[in-house]
Full PDB file with SEQRES, HELIX, SHEET, SSBOND, CRYST1, ORIGX, SCALE, CONECT and MASTER records, all heavy atoms in Angstrom:
SEQRES   1 A   45  VAL GLY ASP PRO THR HIS LEU GLU PHE GLU TYR VAL ARG          
SEQRES   2 A   45  MET ILE GLY ASP VAL VAL ASP VAL LEU PRO PRO GLY PRO          
SEQRES   3 A   45  LEU ALA ALA VAL HIS LEU GLY GLY GLY GLY CYS THR LEU          
SEQRES   4 A   45  PRO ARG TYR VAL ALA ALA                                      
HELIX    1 AA1 GLU A   10  VAL A   21  1                                  12    
HELIX    2 AA2 THR A   38  ALA A   44  1                                   7    
CRYST1    1.000    1.000    1.000  90.00  90.00  90.00 P 1           1          
ORIGX1      1.000000  0.000000  0.000000        0.00000                         
ORIGX2      0.000000  1.000000  0.000000        0.00000                         
ORIGX3      0.000000  0.000000  1.000000        0.00000                         
SCALE1      1.000000  0.000000  0.000000        0.00000                         
SCALE2      0.000000  1.000000  0.000000        0.00000                         
SCALE3      0.000000  0.000000  1.000000        0.00000                         
ATOM      1  N   VAL A   1      -8.767  -3.540  -0.007  1.00  0.00           N  
ATOM      2  CA  VAL A   1      -9.484  -3.061   1.174  1.00  0.00           C  
ATOM      3  C   VAL A   1     -10.965  -2.877   0.893  1.00  0.00           C  
ATOM      4  O   VAL A   1     -11.785  -2.872   1.826  1.00  0.00           O  
ATOM      5  CB  VAL A   1      -8.864  -1.750   1.702  1.00  0.00           C  
ATOM      6  CG1 VAL A   1      -7.452  -1.984   2.199  1.00  0.00           C  
ATOM      7  CG2 VAL A   1      -8.888  -0.655   0.641  1.00  0.00           C  
ATOM      8  N   GLY A   2     -11.351  -2.722  -0.367  1.00  0.00           N  
ATOM      9  CA  GLY A   2     -12.759  -2.580  -0.709  1.00  0.00           C  
ATOM     10  C   GLY A   2     -13.468  -3.900  -0.864  1.00  0.00           C  
ATOM     11  O   GLY A   2     -14.677  -4.004  -0.647  1.00  0.00           O  
ATOM     12  N   ASP A   3     -12.724  -4.940  -1.252  1.00  0.00           N  
ATOM     13  CA  ASP A   3     -13.305  -6.270  -1.460  1.00  0.00           C  
ATOM     14  C   ASP A   3     -12.342  -7.328  -0.930  1.00  0.00           C  
ATOM     15  O   ASP A   3     -11.493  -7.834  -1.656  1.00  0.00           O  
ATOM     16  CB  ASP A   3     -13.571  -6.514  -2.946  1.00  0.00           C  
ATOM     17  CG  ASP A   3     -14.146  -7.898  -3.220  1.00  0.00           C  
ATOM     18  OD1 ASP A   3     -14.533  -8.583  -2.243  1.00  0.00           O  
ATOM     19  OD2 ASP A   3     -14.202  -8.293  -4.398  1.00  0.00           O  
ATOM     20  N   PRO A   4     -12.458  -7.680   0.355  1.00  0.00           N  
ATOM     21  CA  PRO A   4     -11.536  -8.657   0.951  1.00  0.00           C  
ATOM     22  C   PRO A   4     -11.632 -10.059   0.347  1.00  0.00           C  
ATOM     23  O   PRO A   4     -10.768 -10.890   0.600  1.00  0.00           O  
ATOM     24  CB  PRO A   4     -11.965  -8.683   2.428  1.00  0.00           C  
ATOM     25  CG  PRO A   4     -12.712  -7.417   2.649  1.00  0.00           C  
ATOM     26  CD  PRO A   4     -13.381  -7.121   1.354  1.00  0.00           C  
ATOM     27  N   THR A   5     -12.689 -10.320  -0.455  1.00  0.00           N  
ATOM     28  CA  THR A   5     -12.789 -11.632  -1.107  1.00  0.00           C  
ATOM     29  C   THR A   5     -11.962 -11.701  -2.388  1.00  0.00           C  
ATOM     30  O   THR A   5     -11.873 -12.759  -3.000  1.00  0.00           O  
ATOM     31  CB  THR A   5     -14.254 -11.968  -1.428  1.00  0.00           C  
ATOM     32  OG1 THR A   5     -14.753 -11.060  -2.417  1.00  0.00           O  
ATOM     33  CG2 THR A   5     -15.113 -11.893  -0.173  1.00  0.00           C  
ATOM     34  N   HIS A   6     -11.360 -10.580  -2.779  1.00  0.00           N  
ATOM     35  CA  HIS A   6     -10.484 -10.553  -3.956  1.00  0.00           C  
ATOM     36  C   HIS A   6      -9.111 -11.094  -3.561  1.00  0.00           C  
ATOM     37  O   HIS A   6      -8.346 -10.420  -2.870  1.00  0.00           O  
ATOM     38  CB  HIS A   6     -10.373  -9.120  -4.483  1.00  0.00           C  
ATOM     39  CG  HIS A   6      -9.399  -8.968  -5.609  1.00  0.00           C  
ATOM     40  ND1 HIS A   6      -9.001  -7.727  -6.065  1.00  0.00           N  
ATOM     41  CD2 HIS A   6      -8.745  -9.867  -6.380  1.00  0.00           C  
ATOM     42  CE1 HIS A   6      -8.141  -7.877  -7.049  1.00  0.00           C  
ATOM     43  NE2 HIS A   6      -7.959  -9.163  -7.258  1.00  0.00           N  
ATOM     44  N   LEU A   7      -8.817 -12.303  -4.016  1.00  0.00           N  
ATOM     45  CA  LEU A   7      -7.543 -12.951  -3.700  1.00  0.00           C  
ATOM     46  C   LEU A   7      -6.702 -12.985  -4.969  1.00  0.00           C  
ATOM     47  O   LEU A   7      -6.975 -13.756  -5.888  1.00  0.00           O  
ATOM     48  CB  LEU A   7      -7.795 -14.364  -3.148  1.00  0.00           C  
ATOM     49  CG  LEU A   7      -8.710 -14.441  -1.921  1.00  0.00           C  
ATOM     50  CD1 LEU A   7      -8.900 -15.888  -1.482  1.00  0.00           C  
ATOM     51  CD2 LEU A   7      -8.174 -13.590  -0.774  1.00  0.00           C  
ATOM     52  N   GLU A   8      -5.683 -12.177  -5.015  1.00  0.00           N  
ATOM     53  CA  GLU A   8      -4.902 -11.990  -6.238  1.00  0.00           C  
ATOM     54  C   GLU A   8      -3.920 -13.127  -6.473  1.00  0.00           C  
ATOM     55  O   GLU A   8      -3.793 -13.615  -7.601  1.00  0.00           O  
ATOM     56  CB  GLU A   8      -4.156 -10.654  -6.162  1.00  0.00           C  
ATOM     57  CG  GLU A   8      -3.355 -10.315  -7.396  1.00  0.00           C  
ATOM     58  CD  GLU A   8      -4.211  -9.919  -8.587  1.00  0.00           C  
ATOM     59  OE1 GLU A   8      -5.398  -9.598  -8.399  1.00  0.00           O  
ATOM     60  OE2 GLU A   8      -3.675  -9.938  -9.714  1.00  0.00           O  
ATOM     61  N   PHE A   9      -3.196 -13.542  -5.434  1.00  0.00           N  
ATOM     62  CA  PHE A   9      -2.202 -14.600  -5.605  1.00  0.00           C  
ATOM     63  C   PHE A   9      -2.901 -15.952  -5.707  1.00  0.00           C  
ATOM     64  O   PHE A   9      -3.804 -16.257  -4.923  1.00  0.00           O  
ATOM     65  CB  PHE A   9      -1.229 -14.628  -4.432  1.00  0.00           C  
ATOM     66  CG  PHE A   9      -0.335 -13.422  -4.325  1.00  0.00           C  
ATOM     67  CD1 PHE A   9       0.234 -13.085  -3.107  1.00  0.00           C  
ATOM     68  CD2 PHE A   9      -0.055 -12.633  -5.421  1.00  0.00           C  
ATOM     69  CE1 PHE A   9       1.067 -11.980  -2.992  1.00  0.00           C  
ATOM     70  CE2 PHE A   9       0.778 -11.532  -5.329  1.00  0.00           C  
ATOM     71  CZ  PHE A   9       1.337 -11.190  -4.099  1.00  0.00           C  
ATOM     72  N   GLU A  10      -2.436 -16.784  -6.642  1.00  0.00           N  
ATOM     73  CA  GLU A  10      -3.090 -18.080  -6.846  1.00  0.00           C  
ATOM     74  C   GLU A  10      -2.995 -18.968  -5.614  1.00  0.00           C  
ATOM     75  O   GLU A  10      -3.961 -19.651  -5.252  1.00  0.00           O  
ATOM     76  CB  GLU A  10      -2.490 -18.790  -8.068  1.00  0.00           C  
ATOM     77  CG  GLU A  10      -3.164 -20.116  -8.390  1.00  0.00           C  
ATOM     78  CD  GLU A  10      -4.649 -19.979  -8.704  1.00  0.00           C  
ATOM     79  OE1 GLU A  10      -5.087 -18.899  -9.138  1.00  0.00           O  
ATOM     80  OE2 GLU A  10      -5.377 -20.969  -8.499  1.00  0.00           O  
ATOM     81  N   TYR A  11      -1.860 -18.962  -4.924  1.00  0.00           N  
ATOM     82  CA  TYR A  11      -1.751 -19.834  -3.753  1.00  0.00           C  
ATOM     83  C   TYR A  11      -2.700 -19.378  -2.644  1.00  0.00           C  
ATOM     84  O   TYR A  11      -3.215 -20.211  -1.878  1.00  0.00           O  
ATOM     85  CB  TYR A  11      -0.304 -19.899  -3.240  1.00  0.00           C  
ATOM     86  CG  TYR A  11       0.097 -18.807  -2.282  1.00  0.00           C  
ATOM     87  CD1 TYR A  11      -0.130 -18.934  -0.912  1.00  0.00           C  
ATOM     88  CD2 TYR A  11       0.708 -17.642  -2.732  1.00  0.00           C  
ATOM     89  CE1 TYR A  11       0.237 -17.922  -0.023  1.00  0.00           C  
ATOM     90  CE2 TYR A  11       1.078 -16.642  -1.855  1.00  0.00           C  
ATOM     91  CZ  TYR A  11       0.844 -16.785  -0.507  1.00  0.00           C  
ATOM     92  OH  TYR A  11       1.197 -15.795   0.371  1.00  0.00           O  
ATOM     93  N   VAL A  12      -2.949 -18.073  -2.570  1.00  0.00           N  
ATOM     94  CA  VAL A  12      -3.902 -17.567  -1.575  1.00  0.00           C  
ATOM     95  C   VAL A  12      -5.307 -18.031  -1.935  1.00  0.00           C  
ATOM     96  O   VAL A  12      -6.113 -18.383  -1.061  1.00  0.00           O  
ATOM     97  CB  VAL A  12      -3.821 -16.041  -1.460  1.00  0.00           C  
ATOM     98  CG1 VAL A  12      -4.817 -15.519  -0.437  1.00  0.00           C  
ATOM     99  CG2 VAL A  12      -2.409 -15.607  -1.080  1.00  0.00           C  
ATOM    100  N   ARG A  13      -5.612 -18.059  -3.227  1.00  0.00           N  
ATOM    101  CA  ARG A  13      -6.903 -18.596  -3.659  1.00  0.00           C  
ATOM    102  C   ARG A  13      -7.037 -20.064  -3.267  1.00  0.00           C  
ATOM    103  O   ARG A  13      -8.114 -20.510  -2.863  1.00  0.00           O  
ATOM    104  CB  ARG A  13      -7.058 -18.458  -5.169  1.00  0.00           C  
ATOM    105  CG  ARG A  13      -7.125 -17.039  -5.677  1.00  0.00           C  
ATOM    106  CD  ARG A  13      -7.426 -17.053  -7.160  1.00  0.00           C  
ATOM    107  NE  ARG A  13      -7.090 -15.791  -7.789  1.00  0.00           N  
ATOM    108  CZ  ARG A  13      -7.186 -15.565  -9.103  1.00  0.00           C  
ATOM    109  NH1 ARG A  13      -7.606 -16.529  -9.897  1.00  0.00           N  
ATOM    110  NH2 ARG A  13      -6.867 -14.391  -9.610  1.00  0.00           N  
ATOM    111  N   MET A  14      -5.974 -20.823  -3.410  1.00  0.00           N  
ATOM    112  CA  MET A  14      -6.017 -22.239  -3.027  1.00  0.00           C  
ATOM    113  C   MET A  14      -6.339 -22.391  -1.543  1.00  0.00           C  
ATOM    114  O   MET A  14      -7.160 -23.231  -1.150  1.00  0.00           O  
ATOM    115  CB  MET A  14      -4.683 -22.916  -3.345  1.00  0.00           C  
ATOM    116  CG  MET A  14      -4.334 -23.020  -4.808  1.00  0.00           C  
ATOM    117  SD  MET A  14      -2.708 -23.820  -4.999  1.00  0.00           S  
ATOM    118  CE  MET A  14      -2.206 -23.183  -6.592  1.00  0.00           C  
ATOM    119  N   ILE A  15      -5.678 -21.583  -0.712  1.00  0.00           N  
ATOM    120  CA  ILE A  15      -5.965 -21.636   0.718  1.00  0.00           C  
ATOM    121  C   ILE A  15      -7.408 -21.211   0.962  1.00  0.00           C  
ATOM    122  O   ILE A  15      -8.128 -21.825   1.769  1.00  0.00           O  
ATOM    123  CB  ILE A  15      -4.992 -20.744   1.504  1.00  0.00           C  
ATOM    124  CG1 ILE A  15      -3.555 -21.257   1.344  1.00  0.00           C  
ATOM    125  CG2 ILE A  15      -5.366 -20.721   2.992  1.00  0.00           C  
ATOM    126  CD1 ILE A  15      -2.500 -20.369   1.987  1.00  0.00           C  
ATOM    127  N   GLY A  16      -7.859 -20.177   0.243  1.00  0.00           N  
ATOM    128  CA  GLY A  16      -9.245 -19.755   0.366  1.00  0.00           C  
ATOM    129  C   GLY A  16     -10.218 -20.856  -0.019  1.00  0.00           C  
ATOM    130  O   GLY A  16     -11.283 -21.013   0.603  1.00  0.00           O  
ATOM    131  N   ASP A  17      -9.871 -21.647  -1.018  1.00  0.00           N  
ATOM    132  CA  ASP A  17     -10.719 -22.775  -1.412  1.00  0.00           C  
ATOM    133  C   ASP A  17     -10.854 -23.790  -0.285  1.00  0.00           C  
ATOM    134  O   ASP A  17     -11.939 -24.331  -0.042  1.00  0.00           O  
ATOM    135  CB  ASP A  17     -10.141 -23.461  -2.656  1.00  0.00           C  
ATOM    136  CG  ASP A  17     -10.275 -22.623  -3.913  1.00  0.00           C  
ATOM    137  OD1 ASP A  17     -11.127 -21.708  -3.931  1.00  0.00           O  
ATOM    138  OD2 ASP A  17      -9.528 -22.875  -4.874  1.00  0.00           O  
ATOM    139  N   VAL A  18      -9.739 -24.068   0.389  1.00  0.00           N  
ATOM    140  CA  VAL A  18      -9.796 -24.991   1.522  1.00  0.00           C  
ATOM    141  C   VAL A  18     -10.699 -24.433   2.608  1.00  0.00           C  
ATOM    142  O   VAL A  18     -11.544 -25.154   3.171  1.00  0.00           O  
ATOM    143  CB  VAL A  18      -8.385 -25.283   2.071  1.00  0.00           C  
ATOM    144  CG1 VAL A  18      -8.476 -26.163   3.317  1.00  0.00           C  
ATOM    145  CG2 VAL A  18      -7.516 -25.954   1.018  1.00  0.00           C  
ATOM    146  N   VAL A  19     -10.540 -23.160   2.910  1.00  0.00           N  
ATOM    147  CA  VAL A  19     -11.394 -22.528   3.918  1.00  0.00           C  
ATOM    148  C   VAL A  19     -12.865 -22.661   3.527  1.00  0.00           C  
ATOM    149  O   VAL A  19     -13.731 -22.977   4.353  1.00  0.00           O  
ATOM    150  CB  VAL A  19     -11.016 -21.043   4.093  1.00  0.00           C  
ATOM    151  CG1 VAL A  19     -12.022 -20.336   5.006  1.00  0.00           C  
ATOM    152  CG2 VAL A  19      -9.607 -20.911   4.657  1.00  0.00           C  
ATOM    153  N   ASP A  20     -13.150 -22.482   2.241  1.00  0.00           N  
ATOM    154  CA  ASP A  20     -14.535 -22.493   1.778  1.00  0.00           C  
ATOM    155  C   ASP A  20     -15.207 -23.855   1.894  1.00  0.00           C  
ATOM    156  O   ASP A  20     -16.437 -23.933   1.976  1.00  0.00           O  
ATOM    157  CB  ASP A  20     -14.603 -22.014   0.329  1.00  0.00           C  
ATOM    158  CG  ASP A  20     -14.303 -20.531   0.184  1.00  0.00           C  
ATOM    159  OD1 ASP A  20     -14.354 -19.810   1.197  1.00  0.00           O  
ATOM    160  OD2 ASP A  20     -14.000 -20.102  -0.950  1.00  0.00           O  
ATOM    161  N   VAL A  21     -14.436 -24.948   1.853  1.00  0.00           N  
ATOM    162  CA  VAL A  21     -15.060 -26.272   1.930  1.00  0.00           C  
ATOM    163  C   VAL A  21     -15.128 -26.802   3.365  1.00  0.00           C  
ATOM    164  O   VAL A  21     -15.628 -27.912   3.585  1.00  0.00           O  
ATOM    165  CB  VAL A  21     -14.338 -27.298   1.029  1.00  0.00           C  
ATOM    166  CG1 VAL A  21     -14.317 -26.820  -0.413  1.00  0.00           C  
ATOM    167  CG2 VAL A  21     -12.923 -27.593   1.516  1.00  0.00           C  
ATOM    168  N   LEU A  22     -14.645 -26.039   4.326  1.00  0.00           N  
ATOM    169  CA  LEU A  22     -14.819 -26.424   5.720  1.00  0.00           C  
ATOM    170  C   LEU A  22     -16.288 -26.254   6.102  1.00  0.00           C  
ATOM    171  O   LEU A  22     -17.037 -25.543   5.431  1.00  0.00           O  
ATOM    172  CB  LEU A  22     -13.928 -25.572   6.618  1.00  0.00           C  
ATOM    173  CG  LEU A  22     -12.413 -25.710   6.409  1.00  0.00           C  
ATOM    174  CD1 LEU A  22     -11.656 -24.774   7.355  1.00  0.00           C  
ATOM    175  CD2 LEU A  22     -11.956 -27.150   6.598  1.00  0.00           C  
ATOM    176  N   PRO A  23     -16.743 -26.916   7.165  1.00  0.00           N  
ATOM    177  CA  PRO A  23     -18.151 -26.790   7.570  1.00  0.00           C  
ATOM    178  C   PRO A  23     -18.563 -25.331   7.698  1.00  0.00           C  
ATOM    179  O   PRO A  23     -17.773 -24.478   8.098  1.00  0.00           O  
ATOM    180  CB  PRO A  23     -18.187 -27.511   8.923  1.00  0.00           C  
ATOM    181  CG  PRO A  23     -17.091 -28.525   8.829  1.00  0.00           C  
ATOM    182  CD  PRO A  23     -16.009 -27.865   8.034  1.00  0.00           C  
ATOM    183  N   PRO A  24     -19.815 -25.008   7.344  1.00  0.00           N  
ATOM    184  CA  PRO A  24     -20.258 -23.613   7.354  1.00  0.00           C  
ATOM    185  C   PRO A  24     -20.283 -23.005   8.748  1.00  0.00           C  
ATOM    186  O   PRO A  24     -20.323 -23.725   9.746  1.00  0.00           O  
ATOM    187  CB  PRO A  24     -21.681 -23.694   6.762  1.00  0.00           C  
ATOM    188  CG  PRO A  24     -22.116 -25.101   7.003  1.00  0.00           C  
ATOM    189  CD  PRO A  24     -20.884 -25.937   6.918  1.00  0.00           C  
ATOM    190  N   GLY A  25     -20.258 -21.673   8.767  1.00  0.00           N  
ATOM    191  CA  GLY A  25     -20.341 -20.957  10.029  1.00  0.00           C  
ATOM    192  C   GLY A  25     -19.042 -20.298  10.411  1.00  0.00           C  
ATOM    193  O   GLY A  25     -18.010 -20.454   9.742  1.00  0.00           O  
ATOM    194  N   PRO A  26     -19.061 -19.528  11.505  1.00  0.00           N  
ATOM    195  CA  PRO A  26     -17.847 -18.847  11.976  1.00  0.00           C  
ATOM    196  C   PRO A  26     -16.755 -19.843  12.340  1.00  0.00           C  
ATOM    197  O   PRO A  26     -17.031 -20.985  12.722  1.00  0.00           O  
ATOM    198  CB  PRO A  26     -18.333 -18.081  13.212  1.00  0.00           C  
ATOM    199  CG  PRO A  26     -19.808 -17.985  13.066  1.00  0.00           C  
ATOM    200  CD  PRO A  26     -20.233 -19.223  12.342  1.00  0.00           C  
ATOM    201  N   LEU A  27     -15.518 -19.382  12.246  1.00  0.00           N  
ATOM    202  CA  LEU A  27     -14.364 -20.218  12.563  1.00  0.00           C  
ATOM    203  C   LEU A  27     -13.532 -19.567  13.665  1.00  0.00           C  
ATOM    204  O   LEU A  27     -13.443 -18.343  13.741  1.00  0.00           O  
ATOM    205  CB  LEU A  27     -13.474 -20.410  11.332  1.00  0.00           C  
ATOM    206  CG  LEU A  27     -14.061 -21.188  10.155  1.00  0.00           C  
ATOM    207  CD1 LEU A  27     -13.155 -21.038   8.938  1.00  0.00           C  
ATOM    208  CD2 LEU A  27     -14.237 -22.656  10.516  1.00  0.00           C  
ATOM    209  N   ALA A  28     -12.911 -20.394  14.476  1.00  0.00           N  
ATOM    210  CA  ALA A  28     -11.845 -19.933  15.363  1.00  0.00           C  
ATOM    211  C   ALA A  28     -10.546 -20.225  14.629  1.00  0.00           C  
ATOM    212  O   ALA A  28     -10.169 -21.388  14.466  1.00  0.00           O  
ATOM    213  CB  ALA A  28     -11.900 -20.668  16.698  1.00  0.00           C  
ATOM    214  N   ALA A  29      -9.891 -19.176  14.138  1.00  0.00           N  
ATOM    215  CA  ALA A  29      -8.743 -19.345  13.252  1.00  0.00           C  
ATOM    216  C   ALA A  29      -7.499 -18.688  13.831  1.00  0.00           C  
ATOM    217  O   ALA A  29      -7.567 -17.616  14.434  1.00  0.00           O  
ATOM    218  CB  ALA A  29      -9.042 -18.750  11.879  1.00  0.00           C  
ATOM    219  N   VAL A  30      -6.359 -19.357  13.613  1.00  0.00           N  
ATOM    220  CA  VAL A  30      -5.052 -18.821  13.978  1.00  0.00           C  
ATOM    221  C   VAL A  30      -4.224 -18.732  12.706  1.00  0.00           C  
ATOM    222  O   VAL A  30      -4.103 -19.721  11.968  1.00  0.00           O  
ATOM    223  CB  VAL A  30      -4.343 -19.704  15.017  1.00  0.00           C  
ATOM    224  CG1 VAL A  30      -2.951 -19.154  15.318  1.00  0.00           C  
ATOM    225  CG2 VAL A  30      -5.162 -19.799  16.294  1.00  0.00           C  
ATOM    226  N   HIS A  31      -3.671 -17.569  12.444  1.00  0.00           N  
ATOM    227  CA  HIS A  31      -2.859 -17.349  11.252  1.00  0.00           C  
ATOM    228  C   HIS A  31      -1.405 -17.174  11.675  1.00  0.00           C  
ATOM    229  O   HIS A  31      -1.085 -16.252  12.435  1.00  0.00           O  
ATOM    230  CB  HIS A  31      -3.329 -16.106  10.504  1.00  0.00           C  
ATOM    231  CG  HIS A  31      -4.755 -16.169  10.054  1.00  0.00           C  
ATOM    232  ND1 HIS A  31      -5.122 -16.506   8.769  1.00  0.00           N  
ATOM    233  CD2 HIS A  31      -5.905 -15.947  10.746  1.00  0.00           C  
ATOM    234  CE1 HIS A  31      -6.445 -16.471   8.680  1.00  0.00           C  
ATOM    235  NE2 HIS A  31      -6.945 -16.133   9.860  1.00  0.00           N  
ATOM    236  N   LEU A  32      -0.549 -18.038  11.188  1.00  0.00           N  
ATOM    237  CA  LEU A  32       0.874 -17.945  11.462  1.00  0.00           C  
ATOM    238  C   LEU A  32       1.507 -17.163  10.319  1.00  0.00           C  
ATOM    239  O   LEU A  32       1.575 -17.631   9.184  1.00  0.00           O  
ATOM    240  CB  LEU A  32       1.491 -19.346  11.563  1.00  0.00           C  
ATOM    241  CG  LEU A  32       0.796 -20.311  12.528  1.00  0.00           C  
ATOM    242  CD1 LEU A  32       1.496 -21.675  12.511  1.00  0.00           C  
ATOM    243  CD2 LEU A  32       0.752 -19.749  13.939  1.00  0.00           C  
ATOM    244  N   GLY A  33       1.967 -15.963  10.620  1.00  0.00           N  
ATOM    245  CA  GLY A  33       2.451 -15.055   9.588  1.00  0.00           C  
ATOM    246  C   GLY A  33       1.341 -14.097   9.200  1.00  0.00           C  
ATOM    247  O   GLY A  33       0.208 -14.513   8.928  1.00  0.00           O  
ATOM    248  N   GLY A  34       1.665 -12.809   9.197  1.00  0.00           N  
ATOM    249  CA  GLY A  34       0.635 -11.821   8.933  1.00  0.00           C  
ATOM    250  C   GLY A  34       0.744 -11.170   7.573  1.00  0.00           C  
ATOM    251  O   GLY A  34      -0.164 -11.236   6.765  1.00  0.00           O  
ATOM    252  N   GLY A  35       1.892 -10.546   7.291  1.00  0.00           N  
ATOM    253  CA  GLY A  35       1.986  -9.731   6.086  1.00  0.00           C  
ATOM    254  C   GLY A  35       0.889  -8.683   6.128  1.00  0.00           C  
ATOM    255  O   GLY A  35       0.635  -8.060   7.154  1.00  0.00           O  
ATOM    256  N   GLY A  36       0.188  -8.518   5.013  1.00  0.00           N  
ATOM    257  CA  GLY A  36      -0.926  -7.585   4.967  1.00  0.00           C  
ATOM    258  C   GLY A  36      -2.221  -8.166   5.485  1.00  0.00           C  
ATOM    259  O   GLY A  36      -3.252  -7.500   5.457  1.00  0.00           O  
ATOM    260  N   CYS A  37      -2.195  -9.418   5.949  1.00  0.00           N  
ATOM    261  CA  CYS A  37      -3.363 -10.087   6.547  1.00  0.00           C  
ATOM    262  C   CYS A  37      -4.495 -10.270   5.541  1.00  0.00           C  
ATOM    263  O   CYS A  37      -5.676 -10.058   5.859  1.00  0.00           O  
ATOM    264  CB  CYS A  37      -3.843  -9.343   7.778  1.00  0.00           C  
ATOM    265  SG  CYS A  37      -2.606  -9.241   9.094  1.00  0.00           S  
ATOM    266  N   THR A  38      -4.152 -10.709   4.336  1.00  0.00           N  
ATOM    267  CA  THR A  38      -5.156 -10.949   3.304  1.00  0.00           C  
ATOM    268  C   THR A  38      -6.148 -12.026   3.704  1.00  0.00           C  
ATOM    269  O   THR A  38      -7.372 -11.860   3.570  1.00  0.00           O  
ATOM    270  CB  THR A  38      -4.463 -11.344   1.987  1.00  0.00           C  
ATOM    271  OG1 THR A  38      -3.550 -10.319   1.602  1.00  0.00           O  
ATOM    272  CG2 THR A  38      -5.479 -11.563   0.884  1.00  0.00           C  
ATOM    273  N   LEU A  39      -5.645 -13.162   4.195  1.00  0.00           N  
ATOM    274  CA  LEU A  39      -6.535 -14.279   4.522  1.00  0.00           C  
ATOM    275  C   LEU A  39      -7.396 -14.016   5.755  1.00  0.00           C  
ATOM    276  O   LEU A  39      -8.576 -14.393   5.767  1.00  0.00           O  
ATOM    277  CB  LEU A  39      -5.733 -15.568   4.652  1.00  0.00           C  
ATOM    278  CG  LEU A  39      -5.332 -16.152   3.302  1.00  0.00           C  
ATOM    279  CD1 LEU A  39      -4.208 -17.170   3.451  1.00  0.00           C  
ATOM    280  CD2 LEU A  39      -6.535 -16.789   2.606  1.00  0.00           C  
ATOM    281  N   PRO A  40      -6.873 -13.378   6.812  1.00  0.00           N  
ATOM    282  CA  PRO A  40      -7.784 -13.007   7.904  1.00  0.00           C  
ATOM    283  C   PRO A  40      -8.926 -12.106   7.437  1.00  0.00           C  
ATOM    284  O   PRO A  40     -10.065 -12.237   7.901  1.00  0.00           O  
ATOM    285  CB  PRO A  40      -6.859 -12.274   8.884  1.00  0.00           C  
ATOM    286  CG  PRO A  40      -5.507 -12.860   8.636  1.00  0.00           C  
ATOM    287  CD  PRO A  40      -5.471 -13.125   7.164  1.00  0.00           C  
ATOM    288  N   ARG A  41      -8.645 -11.199   6.513  1.00  0.00           N  
ATOM    289  CA  ARG A  41      -9.704 -10.343   5.973  1.00  0.00           C  
ATOM    290  C   ARG A  41     -10.715 -11.179   5.184  1.00  0.00           C  
ATOM    291  O   ARG A  41     -11.931 -10.924   5.232  1.00  0.00           O  
ATOM    292  CB  ARG A  41      -9.100  -9.254   5.076  1.00  0.00           C  
ATOM    293  CG  ARG A  41      -8.123  -8.340   5.790  1.00  0.00           C  
ATOM    294  CD  ARG A  41      -7.450  -7.366   4.816  1.00  0.00           C  
ATOM    295  NE  ARG A  41      -6.209  -6.881   5.385  1.00  0.00           N  
ATOM    296  CZ  ARG A  41      -6.129  -5.896   6.282  1.00  0.00           C  
ATOM    297  NH1 ARG A  41      -7.221  -5.293   6.690  1.00  0.00           N  
ATOM    298  NH2 ARG A  41      -4.952  -5.518   6.759  1.00  0.00           N  
ATOM    299  N   TYR A  42     -10.214 -12.158   4.448  1.00  0.00           N  
ATOM    300  CA  TYR A  42     -11.095 -13.037   3.669  1.00  0.00           C  
ATOM    301  C   TYR A  42     -12.010 -13.839   4.589  1.00  0.00           C  
ATOM    302  O   TYR A  42     -13.225 -13.936   4.355  1.00  0.00           O  
ATOM    303  CB  TYR A  42     -10.243 -13.981   2.814  1.00  0.00           C  
ATOM    304  CG  TYR A  42     -11.057 -14.939   1.974  1.00  0.00           C  
ATOM    305  CD1 TYR A  42     -11.629 -14.520   0.776  1.00  0.00           C  
ATOM    306  CD2 TYR A  42     -11.251 -16.262   2.368  1.00  0.00           C  
ATOM    307  CE1 TYR A  42     -12.379 -15.391  -0.007  1.00  0.00           C  
ATOM    308  CE2 TYR A  42     -11.998 -17.141   1.599  1.00  0.00           C  
ATOM    309  CZ  TYR A  42     -12.558 -16.694   0.412  1.00  0.00           C  
ATOM    310  OH  TYR A  42     -13.303 -17.564  -0.351  1.00  0.00           O  
ATOM    311  N   VAL A  43     -11.444 -14.427   5.634  1.00  0.00           N  
ATOM    312  CA  VAL A  43     -12.252 -15.206   6.577  1.00  0.00           C  
ATOM    313  C   VAL A  43     -13.279 -14.311   7.260  1.00  0.00           C  
ATOM    314  O   VAL A  43     -14.443 -14.690   7.430  1.00  0.00           O  
ATOM    315  CB  VAL A  43     -11.349 -15.909   7.611  1.00  0.00           C  
ATOM    316  CG1 VAL A  43     -12.194 -16.572   8.704  1.00  0.00           C  
ATOM    317  CG2 VAL A  43     -10.463 -16.951   6.929  1.00  0.00           C  
ATOM    318  N   ALA A  44     -12.872 -13.108   7.650  1.00  0.00           N  
ATOM    319  CA  ALA A  44     -13.807 -12.187   8.297  1.00  0.00           C  
ATOM    320  C   ALA A  44     -14.977 -11.846   7.381  1.00  0.00           C  
ATOM    321  O   ALA A  44     -16.116 -11.691   7.833  1.00  0.00           O  
ATOM    322  CB  ALA A  44     -13.079 -10.914   8.731  1.00  0.00           C  
ATOM    323  N   ALA A  45     -14.702 -11.733   6.063  1.00  0.00           N  
ATOM    324  CA  ALA A  45     -15.747 -11.374   5.103  1.00  0.00           C  
ATOM    325  C   ALA A  45     -16.650 -12.550   4.761  1.00  0.00           C  
ATOM    326  O   ALA A  45     -17.861 -12.369   4.566  1.00  0.00           O  
ATOM    327  CB  ALA A  45     -15.107 -10.820   3.830  1.00  0.00           C  
TER     328      ALA A  45                                                      
MASTER        0    0    0    2    0    0    0    6  327    1    0    4          
END                                                                             
């Protein structure tokens, strides 16, 4: 909660890598499956 860019699970890091190479700027994103919402927090940050 203090650092949403901290991605602990390796597969989450892989998804984060894909997000990072998309064109720069804000995204309109849909997340299927929530859990603790790690990736939505990452995208928001």
